[in-house]
Amino acid sequence: MPNTAGARKRLRQSKVRRDRNRSVKTAVRTQIKKVREAVAAGDVGKAETEFVLAAKQLDRAGSHRVMHPNTTSRYKSRLSQLIRKAKQAS
């Protein structure tokens, strides 16, 4: 347990931030899963619309430093590559 008032405040702040960051990361992972499922089902149109939402969430998470910006960029790149390959296959 924290002993000083400042340490108690930091603990409260870190709990709030941890919960907020966790919910953002969960939402991002869910959106990425939707894109991958749409590609696996062969629905390229749905995959593209889900990708737009995923890219938006990834950009927001990267700009707020919930995730590292390079990580979000890598996810976006890999998802767009997946969609491109699905387009070429169909």
PDB file of N, CA and C in Angstrom:
ATOM      1  N   MET A   1       0.833  -1.186   0.000  1.00  0.00           N
ATOM      2  CA  MET A   1       0.000   0.000   0.000  1.00  0.00           C
ATOM      3  C   MET A   1       0.877   1.250   0.000  1.00  0.00           C
ATOM      4  N   PRO A   2       0.445   2.260  -0.706  1.00  0.00           N
ATOM      5  CA  PRO A   2       1.218   3.504  -0.730  1.00  0.00           C
ATOM      6  C   PRO A   2       1.123   4.218   0.619  1.00  0.00           C
ATOM      7  N   ASN A   3       2.194   4.886   0.974  1.00  0.00           N
ATOM      8  CA  ASN A   3       2.256   5.541   2.284  1.00  0.00           C
ATOM      9  C   ASN A   3       1.986   7.034   2.204  1.00  0.00           C
ATOM     10  N   THR A   4       2.454   7.677   1.171  1.00  0.00           N
ATOM     11  CA  THR A   4       2.281   9.127   1.089  1.00  0.00           C
ATOM     12  C   THR A   4       1.031   9.476   0.300  1.00  0.00           C
ATOM     13  N   ALA A   5       0.589  10.701   0.472  1.00  0.00           N
ATOM     14  CA  ALA A   5      -0.611  11.158  -0.231  1.00  0.00           C
ATOM     15  C   ALA A   5      -0.381  11.150  -1.737  1.00  0.00           C
ATOM     16  N   GLY A   6       0.820  11.540  -2.152  1.00  0.00           N
ATOM     17  CA  GLY A   6       1.138  11.562  -3.576  1.00  0.00           C
ATOM     18  C   GLY A   6       1.128  10.167  -4.175  1.00  0.00           C
ATOM     19  N   ALA A   7       1.622   9.205  -3.413  1.00  0.00           N
ATOM     20  CA  ALA A   7       1.651   7.825  -3.902  1.00  0.00           C
ATOM     21  C   ALA A   7       0.234   7.267  -3.991  1.00  0.00           C
ATOM     22  N   ARG A   8      -0.632   7.635  -3.043  1.00  0.00           N
ATOM     23  CA  ARG A   8      -2.030   7.189  -3.100  1.00  0.00           C
ATOM     24  C   ARG A   8      -2.722   7.759  -4.332  1.00  0.00           C
ATOM     25  N   LYS A   9      -2.441   9.016  -4.633  1.00  0.00           N
ATOM     26  CA  LYS A   9      -3.046   9.636  -5.810  1.00  0.00           C
ATOM     27  C   LYS A   9      -2.554   8.961  -7.087  1.00  0.00           C
ATOM     28  N   ARG A  10      -1.258   8.682  -7.163  1.00  0.00           N
ATOM     29  CA  ARG A  10      -0.709   8.019  -8.349  1.00  0.00           C
ATOM     30  C   ARG A  10      -1.354   6.641  -8.540  1.00  0.00           C
ATOM     31  N   LEU A  11      -1.612   5.941  -7.436  1.00  0.00           N
ATOM     32  CA  LEU A  11      -2.254   4.633  -7.539  1.00  0.00           C
ATOM     33  C   LEU A  11      -3.670   4.774  -8.098  1.00  0.00           C
ATOM     34  N   ARG A  12      -4.411   5.775  -7.598  1.00  0.00           N
ATOM     35  CA  ARG A  12      -5.766   6.007  -8.116  1.00  0.00           C
ATOM     36  C   ARG A  12      -5.724   6.338  -9.602  1.00  0.00           C
ATOM     37  N   GLN A  13      -4.793   7.195  -9.993  1.00  0.00           N
ATOM     38  CA  GLN A  13      -4.699   7.590 -11.398  1.00  0.00           C
ATOM     39  C   GLN A  13      -4.325   6.406 -12.284  1.00  0.00           C
ATOM     40  N   SER A  14      -3.408   5.585 -11.814  1.00  0.00           N
ATOM     41  CA  SER A  14      -2.963   4.473 -12.644  1.00  0.00           C
ATOM     42  C   SER A  14      -4.076   3.442 -12.811  1.00  0.00           C
ATOM     43  N   LYS A  15      -4.914   3.271 -11.781  1.00  0.00           N
ATOM     44  CA  LYS A  15      -6.044   2.348 -11.920  1.00  0.00           C
ATOM     45  C   LYS A  15      -7.017   2.837 -12.981  1.00  0.00           C
ATOM     46  N   VAL A  16      -7.322   4.128 -12.966  1.00  0.00           N
ATOM     47  CA  VAL A  16      -8.246   4.696 -13.948  1.00  0.00           C
ATOM     48  C   VAL A  16      -7.664   4.562 -15.347  1.00  0.00           C
ATOM     49  N   ARG A  17      -6.390   4.895 -15.501  1.00  0.00           N
ATOM     50  CA  ARG A  17      -5.750   4.816 -16.816  1.00  0.00           C
ATOM     51  C   ARG A  17      -5.656   3.382 -17.308  1.00  0.00           C
ATOM     52  N   ARG A  18      -5.362   2.450 -16.391  1.00  0.00           N
ATOM     53  CA  ARG A  18      -5.264   1.050 -16.787  1.00  0.00           C
ATOM     54  C   ARG A  18      -6.602   0.542 -17.317  1.00  0.00           C
ATOM     55  N   ASP A  19      -7.686   0.885 -16.619  1.00  0.00           N
ATOM     56  CA  ASP A  19      -9.012   0.457 -17.083  1.00  0.00           C
ATOM     57  C   ASP A  19      -9.354   1.073 -18.432  1.00  0.00           C
ATOM     58  N   ARG A  20      -9.037   2.346 -18.596  1.00  0.00           N
ATOM     59  CA  ARG A  20      -9.344   3.030 -19.861  1.00  0.00           C
ATOM     60  C   ARG A  20      -8.517   2.445 -20.999  1.00  0.00           C
ATOM     61  N   ASN A  21      -7.229   2.238 -20.758  1.00  0.00           N
ATOM     62  CA  ASN A  21      -6.362   1.673 -21.800  1.00  0.00           C
ATOM     63  C   ASN A  21      -6.781   0.255 -22.158  1.00  0.00           C
ATOM     64  N   ARG A  22      -7.194  -0.504 -21.153  1.00  0.00           N
ATOM     65  CA  ARG A  22      -7.604  -1.883 -21.395  1.00  0.00           C
ATOM     66  C   ARG A  22      -8.834  -1.925 -22.291  1.00  0.00           C
ATOM     67  N   SER A  23      -9.788  -1.029 -22.048  1.00  0.00           N
ATOM     68  CA  SER A  23     -10.999  -1.032 -22.869  1.00  0.00           C
ATOM     69  C   SER A  23     -10.687  -0.612 -24.306  1.00  0.00           C
ATOM     70  N   VAL A  24      -9.762   0.327 -24.466  1.00  0.00           N
ATOM     71  CA  VAL A  24      -9.382   0.760 -25.817  1.00  0.00           C
ATOM     72  C   VAL A  24      -8.705  -0.384 -26.558  1.00  0.00           C
ATOM     73  N   LYS A  25      -7.778  -1.070 -25.901  1.00  0.00           N
ATOM     74  CA  LYS A  25      -7.074  -2.175 -26.542  1.00  0.00           C
ATOM     75  C   LYS A  25      -8.028  -3.311 -26.909  1.00  0.00           C
ATOM     76  N   THR A  26      -8.995  -3.572 -26.038  1.00  0.00           N
ATOM     77  CA  THR A  26      -9.970  -4.622 -26.316  1.00  0.00           C
ATOM     78  C   THR A  26     -10.800  -4.269 -27.538  1.00  0.00           C
ATOM     79  N   ALA A  27     -11.234  -3.016 -27.620  1.00  0.00           N
ATOM     80  CA  ALA A  27     -12.033  -2.585 -28.763  1.00  0.00           C
ATOM     81  C   ALA A  27     -11.225  -2.689 -30.056  1.00  0.00           C
ATOM     82  N   VAL A  28      -9.956  -2.325 -29.998  1.00  0.00           N
ATOM     83  CA  VAL A  28      -9.097  -2.400 -31.182  1.00  0.00           C
ATOM     84  C   VAL A  28      -8.937  -3.851 -31.624  1.00  0.00           C
ATOM     85  N   ARG A  29      -8.671  -4.742 -30.677  1.00  0.00           N
ATOM     86  CA  ARG A  29      -8.495  -6.154 -31.017  1.00  0.00           C
ATOM     87  C   ARG A  29      -9.773  -6.751 -31.603  1.00  0.00           C
ATOM     88  N   THR A  30     -10.924  -6.355 -31.063  1.00  0.00           N
ATOM     89  CA  THR A  30     -12.195  -6.847 -31.588  1.00  0.00           C
ATOM     90  C   THR A  30     -12.397  -6.386 -33.021  1.00  0.00           C
ATOM     91  N   GLN A  31     -12.077  -5.127 -33.295  1.00  0.00           N
ATOM     92  CA  GLN A  31     -12.250  -4.598 -34.643  1.00  0.00           C
ATOM     93  C   GLN A  31     -11.309  -5.287 -35.626  1.00  0.00           C
ATOM     94  N   ILE A  32     -10.081  -5.557 -35.204  1.00  0.00           N
ATOM     95  CA  ILE A  32      -9.128  -6.269 -36.057  1.00  0.00           C
ATOM     96  C   ILE A  32      -9.648  -7.669 -36.359  1.00  0.00           C
ATOM     97  N   LYS A  33     -10.234  -8.313 -35.346  1.00  0.00           N
ATOM     98  CA  LYS A  33     -10.794  -9.650 -35.542  1.00  0.00           C
ATOM     99  C   LYS A  33     -11.929  -9.616 -36.556  1.00  0.00           C
ATOM    100  N   LYS A  34     -12.749  -8.564 -36.536  1.00  0.00           N
ATOM    101  CA  LYS A  34     -13.845  -8.446 -37.497  1.00  0.00           C
ATOM    102  C   LYS A  34     -13.314  -8.353 -38.927  1.00  0.00           C
ATOM    103  N   VAL A  35     -12.224  -7.614 -39.104  1.00  0.00           N
ATOM    104  CA  VAL A  35     -11.628  -7.494 -40.439  1.00  0.00           C
ATOM    105  C   VAL A  35     -11.131  -8.860 -40.903  1.00  0.00           C
ATOM    106  N   ARG A  36     -10.421  -9.556 -40.047  1.00  0.00           N
ATOM    107  CA  ARG A  36      -9.865 -10.854 -40.423  1.00  0.00           C
ATOM    108  C   ARG A  36     -10.960 -11.874 -40.711  1.00  0.00           C
ATOM    109  N   GLU A  37     -12.047 -11.841 -39.929  1.00  0.00           N
ATOM    110  CA  GLU A  37     -13.147 -12.769 -40.168  1.00  0.00           C
ATOM    111  C   GLU A  37     -13.830 -12.476 -41.494  1.00  0.00           C
ATOM    112  N   ALA A  38     -13.986 -11.200 -41.835  1.00  0.00           N
ATOM    113  CA  ALA A  38     -14.612 -10.836 -43.105  1.00  0.00           C
ATOM    114  C   ALA A  38     -13.757 -11.303 -44.275  1.00  0.00           C
ATOM    115  N   VAL A  39     -12.442 -11.161 -44.156  1.00  0.00           N
ATOM    116  CA  VAL A  39     -11.546 -11.625 -45.221  1.00  0.00           C
ATOM    117  C   VAL A  39     -11.614 -13.142 -45.338  1.00  0.00           C
ATOM    118  N   ALA A  40     -11.646 -13.824 -44.204  1.00  0.00           N
ATOM    119  CA  ALA A  40     -11.710 -15.285 -44.231  1.00  0.00           C
ATOM    120  C   ALA A  40     -13.016 -15.776 -44.847  1.00  0.00           C
ATOM    121  N   ALA A  41     -14.087 -15.016 -44.648  1.00  0.00           N
ATOM    122  CA  ALA A  41     -15.378 -15.385 -45.225  1.00  0.00           C
ATOM    123  C   ALA A  41     -15.463 -15.022 -46.697  1.00  0.00           C
ATOM    124  N   GLY A  42     -14.504 -14.250 -47.187  1.00  0.00           N
ATOM    125  CA  GLY A  42     -14.485 -13.859 -48.593  1.00  0.00           C
ATOM    126  C   GLY A  42     -15.292 -12.621 -48.894  1.00  0.00           C
ATOM    127  N   ASP A  43     -15.741 -11.912 -47.865  1.00  0.00           N
ATOM    128  CA  ASP A  43     -16.534 -10.695 -48.035  1.00  0.00           C
ATOM    129  C   ASP A  43     -15.596  -9.486 -48.036  1.00  0.00           C
ATOM    130  N   VAL A  44     -15.085  -9.144 -49.211  1.00  0.00           N
ATOM    131  CA  VAL A  44     -14.087  -8.078 -49.315  1.00  0.00           C
ATOM    132  C   VAL A  44     -14.704  -6.722 -49.006  1.00  0.00           C
ATOM    133  N   GLY A  45     -15.945  -6.503 -49.430  1.00  0.00           N
ATOM    134  CA  GLY A  45     -16.604  -5.221 -49.169  1.00  0.00           C
ATOM    135  C   GLY A  45     -16.760  -4.952 -47.694  1.00  0.00           C
ATOM    136  N   LYS A  46     -17.210  -5.966 -46.955  1.00  0.00           N
ATOM    137  CA  LYS A  46     -17.357  -5.809 -45.506  1.00  0.00           C
ATOM    138  C   LYS A  46     -15.991  -5.629 -44.849  1.00  0.00           C
ATOM    139  N   ALA A  47     -14.999  -6.351 -45.345  1.00  0.00           N
ATOM    140  CA  ALA A  47     -13.651  -6.243 -44.787  1.00  0.00           C
ATOM    141  C   ALA A  47     -13.120  -4.825 -44.934  1.00  0.00           C
ATOM    142  N   GLU A  48     -13.409  -4.193 -46.084  1.00  0.00           N
ATOM    143  CA  GLU A  48     -12.931  -2.827 -46.291  1.00  0.00           C
ATOM    144  C   GLU A  48     -13.616  -1.843 -45.351  1.00  0.00           C
ATOM    145  N   THR A  49     -14.927  -2.006 -45.142  1.00  0.00           N
ATOM    146  CA  THR A  49     -15.618  -1.086 -44.230  1.00  0.00           C
ATOM    147  C   THR A  49     -15.154  -1.294 -42.793  1.00  0.00           C
ATOM    148  N   GLU A  50     -14.939  -2.547 -42.405  1.00  0.00           N
ATOM    149  CA  GLU A  50     -14.432  -2.827 -41.058  1.00  0.00           C
ATOM    150  C   GLU A  50     -13.002  -2.314 -40.907  1.00  0.00           C
ATOM    151  N   PHE A  51     -12.225  -2.373 -42.004  1.00  0.00           N
ATOM    152  CA  PHE A  51     -10.844  -1.878 -41.954  1.00  0.00           C
ATOM    153  C   PHE A  51     -10.804  -0.372 -41.698  1.00  0.00           C
ATOM    154  N   VAL A  52     -11.739   0.361 -42.293  1.00  0.00           N
ATOM    155  CA  VAL A  52     -11.776   1.817 -42.073  1.00  0.00           C
ATOM    156  C   VAL A  52     -11.997   2.106 -40.589  1.00  0.00           C
ATOM    157  N   LEU A  53     -12.910   1.374 -39.972  1.00  0.00           N
ATOM    158  CA  LEU A  53     -13.162   1.561 -38.542  1.00  0.00           C
ATOM    159  C   LEU A  53     -11.949   1.137 -37.709  1.00  0.00           C
ATOM    160  N   ALA A  54     -11.327   0.034 -38.103  1.00  0.00           N
ATOM    161  CA  ALA A  54     -10.152  -0.443 -37.375  1.00  0.00           C
ATOM    162  C   ALA A  54      -9.006   0.551 -37.472  1.00  0.00           C
ATOM    163  N   ALA A  55      -8.806   1.114 -38.665  1.00  0.00           N
ATOM    164  CA  ALA A  55      -7.724   2.085 -38.849  1.00  0.00           C
ATOM    165  C   ALA A  55      -7.962   3.318 -37.996  1.00  0.00           C
ATOM    166  N   LYS A  56      -9.211   3.737 -37.913  1.00  0.00           N
ATOM    167  CA  LYS A  56      -9.543   4.902 -37.097  1.00  0.00           C
ATOM    168  C   LYS A  56      -9.232   4.635 -35.626  1.00  0.00           C
ATOM    169  N   GLN A  57      -9.645   3.467 -35.137  1.00  0.00           N
ATOM    170  CA  GLN A  57      -9.375   3.124 -33.744  1.00  0.00           C
ATOM    171  C   GLN A  57      -7.881   2.965 -33.484  1.00  0.00           C
ATOM    172  N   LEU A  58      -7.175   2.367 -34.430  1.00  0.00           N
ATOM    173  CA  LEU A  58      -5.732   2.201 -34.263  1.00  0.00           C
ATOM    174  C   LEU A  58      -5.018   3.548 -34.232  1.00  0.00           C
ATOM    175  N   ASP A  59      -5.423   4.452 -35.130  1.00  0.00           N
ATOM    176  CA  ASP A  59      -4.800   5.781 -35.140  1.00  0.00           C
ATOM    177  C   ASP A  59      -5.039   6.509 -33.826  1.00  0.00           C
ATOM    178  N   ARG A  60      -6.253   6.397 -33.318  1.00  0.00           N
ATOM    179  CA  ARG A  60      -6.561   7.070 -32.054  1.00  0.00           C
ATOM    180  C   ARG A  60      -5.747   6.472 -30.906  1.00  0.00           C
ATOM    181  N   ALA A  61      -5.650   5.144 -30.873  1.00  0.00           N
ATOM    182  CA  ALA A  61      -4.879   4.481 -29.814  1.00  0.00           C
ATOM    183  C   ALA A  61      -3.407   4.862 -29.905  1.00  0.00           C
ATOM    184  N   GLY A  62      -2.892   4.988 -31.126  1.00  0.00           N
ATOM    185  CA  GLY A  62      -1.493   5.371 -31.293  1.00  0.00           C
ATOM    186  C   GLY A  62      -1.232   6.810 -30.918  1.00  0.00           C
ATOM    187  N   SER A  63      -2.162   7.693 -31.254  1.00  0.00           N
ATOM    188  CA  SER A  63      -1.942   9.112 -30.947  1.00  0.00           C
ATOM    189  C   SER A  63      -2.078   9.392 -29.457  1.00  0.00           C
ATOM    190  N   HIS A  64      -2.874   8.576 -28.753  1.00  0.00           N
ATOM    191  CA  HIS A  64      -3.028   8.746 -27.309  1.00  0.00           C
ATOM    192  C   HIS A  64      -2.024   7.909 -26.526  1.00  0.00           C
ATOM    193  N   ARG A  65      -1.128   7.255 -27.243  1.00  0.00           N
ATOM    194  CA  ARG A  65      -0.057   6.450 -26.656  1.00  0.00           C
ATOM    195  C   ARG A  65      -0.582   5.270 -25.842  1.00  0.00           C
ATOM    196  N   VAL A  66      -1.800   4.811 -26.143  1.00  0.00           N
ATOM    197  CA  VAL A  66      -2.292   3.587 -25.538  1.00  0.00           C
ATOM    198  C   VAL A  66      -1.507   2.424 -26.122  1.00  0.00           C
ATOM    199  N   MET A  67      -1.238   2.508 -27.415  1.00  0.00           N
ATOM    200  CA  MET A  67      -0.368   1.562 -28.102  1.00  0.00           C
ATOM    201  C   MET A  67       0.736   2.381 -28.759  1.00  0.00           C
ATOM    202  N   HIS A  68       1.850   1.736 -29.012  1.00  0.00           N
ATOM    203  CA  HIS A  68       2.940   2.441 -29.677  1.00  0.00           C
ATOM    204  C   HIS A  68       2.525   2.754 -31.118  1.00  0.00           C
ATOM    205  N   PRO A  69       2.821   3.957 -31.600  1.00  0.00           N
ATOM    206  CA  PRO A  69       2.409   4.320 -32.967  1.00  0.00           C
ATOM    207  C   PRO A  69       2.939   3.382 -34.048  1.00  0.00           C
ATOM    208  N   ASN A  70       4.142   2.865 -33.870  1.00  0.00           N
ATOM    209  CA  ASN A  70       4.674   1.928 -34.863  1.00  0.00           C
ATOM    210  C   ASN A  70       3.881   0.616 -34.866  1.00  0.00           C
ATOM    211  N   THR A  71       3.409   0.208 -33.701  1.00  0.00           N
ATOM    212  CA  THR A  71       2.603  -1.001 -33.610  1.00  0.00           C
ATOM    213  C   THR A  71       1.294  -0.818 -34.357  1.00  0.00           C
ATOM    214  N   THR A  72       0.658   0.326 -34.171  1.00  0.00           N
ATOM    215  CA  THR A  72      -0.605   0.575 -34.860  1.00  0.00           C
ATOM    216  C   THR A  72      -0.384   0.643 -36.367  1.00  0.00           C
ATOM    217  N   SER A  73       0.715   1.227 -36.765  1.00  0.00           N
ATOM    218  CA  SER A  73       1.037   1.304 -38.191  1.00  0.00           C
ATOM    219  C   SER A  73       1.259  -0.084 -38.771  1.00  0.00           C
ATOM    220  N   ARG A  74       1.917  -0.932 -38.034  1.00  0.00           N
ATOM    221  CA  ARG A  74       2.175  -2.304 -38.491  1.00  0.00           C
ATOM    222  C   ARG A  74       0.868  -3.079 -38.642  1.00  0.00           C
ATOM    223  N   TYR A  75      -0.032  -2.940 -37.674  1.00  0.00           N
ATOM    224  CA  TYR A  75      -1.334  -3.597 -37.767  1.00  0.00           C
ATOM    225  C   TYR A  75      -2.092  -3.127 -38.998  1.00  0.00           C
ATOM    226  N   LYS A  76      -2.111  -1.828 -39.233  1.00  0.00           N
ATOM    227  CA  LYS A  76      -2.825  -1.287 -40.392  1.00  0.00           C
ATOM    228  C   LYS A  76      -2.225  -1.806 -41.688  1.00  0.00           C
ATOM    229  N   SER A  77      -0.918  -1.858 -41.759  1.00  0.00           N
ATOM    230  CA  SER A  77      -0.244  -2.327 -42.953  1.00  0.00           C
ATOM    231  C   SER A  77      -0.573  -3.788 -43.225  1.00  0.00           C
ATOM    232  N   ARG A  78      -0.543  -4.614 -42.204  1.00  0.00           N
ATOM    233  CA  ARG A  78      -0.798  -6.039 -42.385  1.00  0.00           C
ATOM    234  C   ARG A  78      -2.255  -6.303 -42.759  1.00  0.00           C
ATOM    235  N   LEU A  79      -3.165  -5.538 -42.164  1.00  0.00           N
ATOM    236  CA  LEU A  79      -4.574  -5.720 -42.503  1.00  0.00           C
ATOM    237  C   LEU A  79      -4.857  -5.288 -43.936  1.00  0.00           C
ATOM    238  N   SER A  80      -4.264  -4.169 -44.358  1.00  0.00           N
ATOM    239  CA  SER A  80      -4.493  -3.711 -45.727  1.00  0.00           C
ATOM    240  C   SER A  80      -3.877  -4.693 -46.724  1.00  0.00           C
ATOM    241  N   GLN A  81      -2.749  -5.276 -46.378  1.00  0.00           N
ATOM    242  CA  GLN A  81      -2.129  -6.281 -47.230  1.00  0.00           C
ATOM    243  C   GLN A  81      -3.019  -7.511 -47.343  1.00  0.00           C
ATOM    244  N   LEU A  82      -3.649  -7.893 -46.244  1.00  0.00           N
ATOM    245  CA  LEU A  82      -4.560  -9.034 -46.230  1.00  0.00           C
ATOM    246  C   LEU A  82      -5.753  -8.775 -47.153  1.00  0.00           C
ATOM    247  N   ILE A  83      -6.273  -7.561 -47.095  1.00  0.00           N
ATOM    248  CA  ILE A  83      -7.420  -7.200 -47.951  1.00  0.00           C
ATOM    249  C   ILE A  83      -7.010  -7.168 -49.417  1.00  0.00           C
ATOM    250  N   ARG A  84      -5.832  -6.618 -49.697  1.00  0.00           N
ATOM    251  CA  ARG A  84      -5.350  -6.592 -51.089  1.00  0.00           C
ATOM    252  C   ARG A  84      -5.235  -8.003 -51.657  1.00  0.00           C
ATOM    253  N   LYS A  85      -4.692  -8.927 -50.881  1.00  0.00           N
ATOM    254  CA  LYS A  85      -4.543 -10.303 -51.345  1.00  0.00           C
ATOM    255  C   LYS A  85      -5.913 -10.948 -51.566  1.00  0.00           C
ATOM    256  N   ALA A  86      -6.867 -10.632 -50.705  1.00  0.00           N
ATOM    257  CA  ALA A  86      -8.211 -11.180 -50.877  1.00  0.00           C
ATOM    258  C   ALA A  86      -8.879 -10.635 -52.126  1.00  0.00           C
ATOM    259  N   LYS A  87      -8.625  -9.362 -52.443  1.00  0.00           N
ATOM    260  CA  LYS A  87      -9.174  -8.766 -53.664  1.00  0.00           C
ATOM    261  C   LYS A  87      -8.605  -9.438 -54.902  1.00  0.00           C
ATOM    262  N   GLN A  88      -7.307  -9.678 -54.896  1.00  0.00           N
ATOM    263  CA  GLN A  88      -6.662 -10.305 -56.043  1.00  0.00           C
ATOM    264  C   GLN A  88      -7.136 -11.747 -56.229  1.00  0.00           C
ATOM    265  N   ALA A  89      -7.401 -12.419 -55.145  1.00  0.00           N
ATOM    266  CA  ALA A  89      -7.835 -13.817 -55.227  1.00  0.00           C
ATOM    267  C   ALA A  89      -9.252 -13.931 -55.787  1.00  0.00           C
ATOM    268  N   SER A  90     -10.085 -12.916 -55.501  1.00  0.00           N
ATOM    269  CA  SER A  90     -11.465 -13.002 -55.991  1.00  0.00           C
ATOM    270  C   SER A  90     -11.666 -12.390 -57.358  1.00  0.00           C
TER     271      SER A  90
END
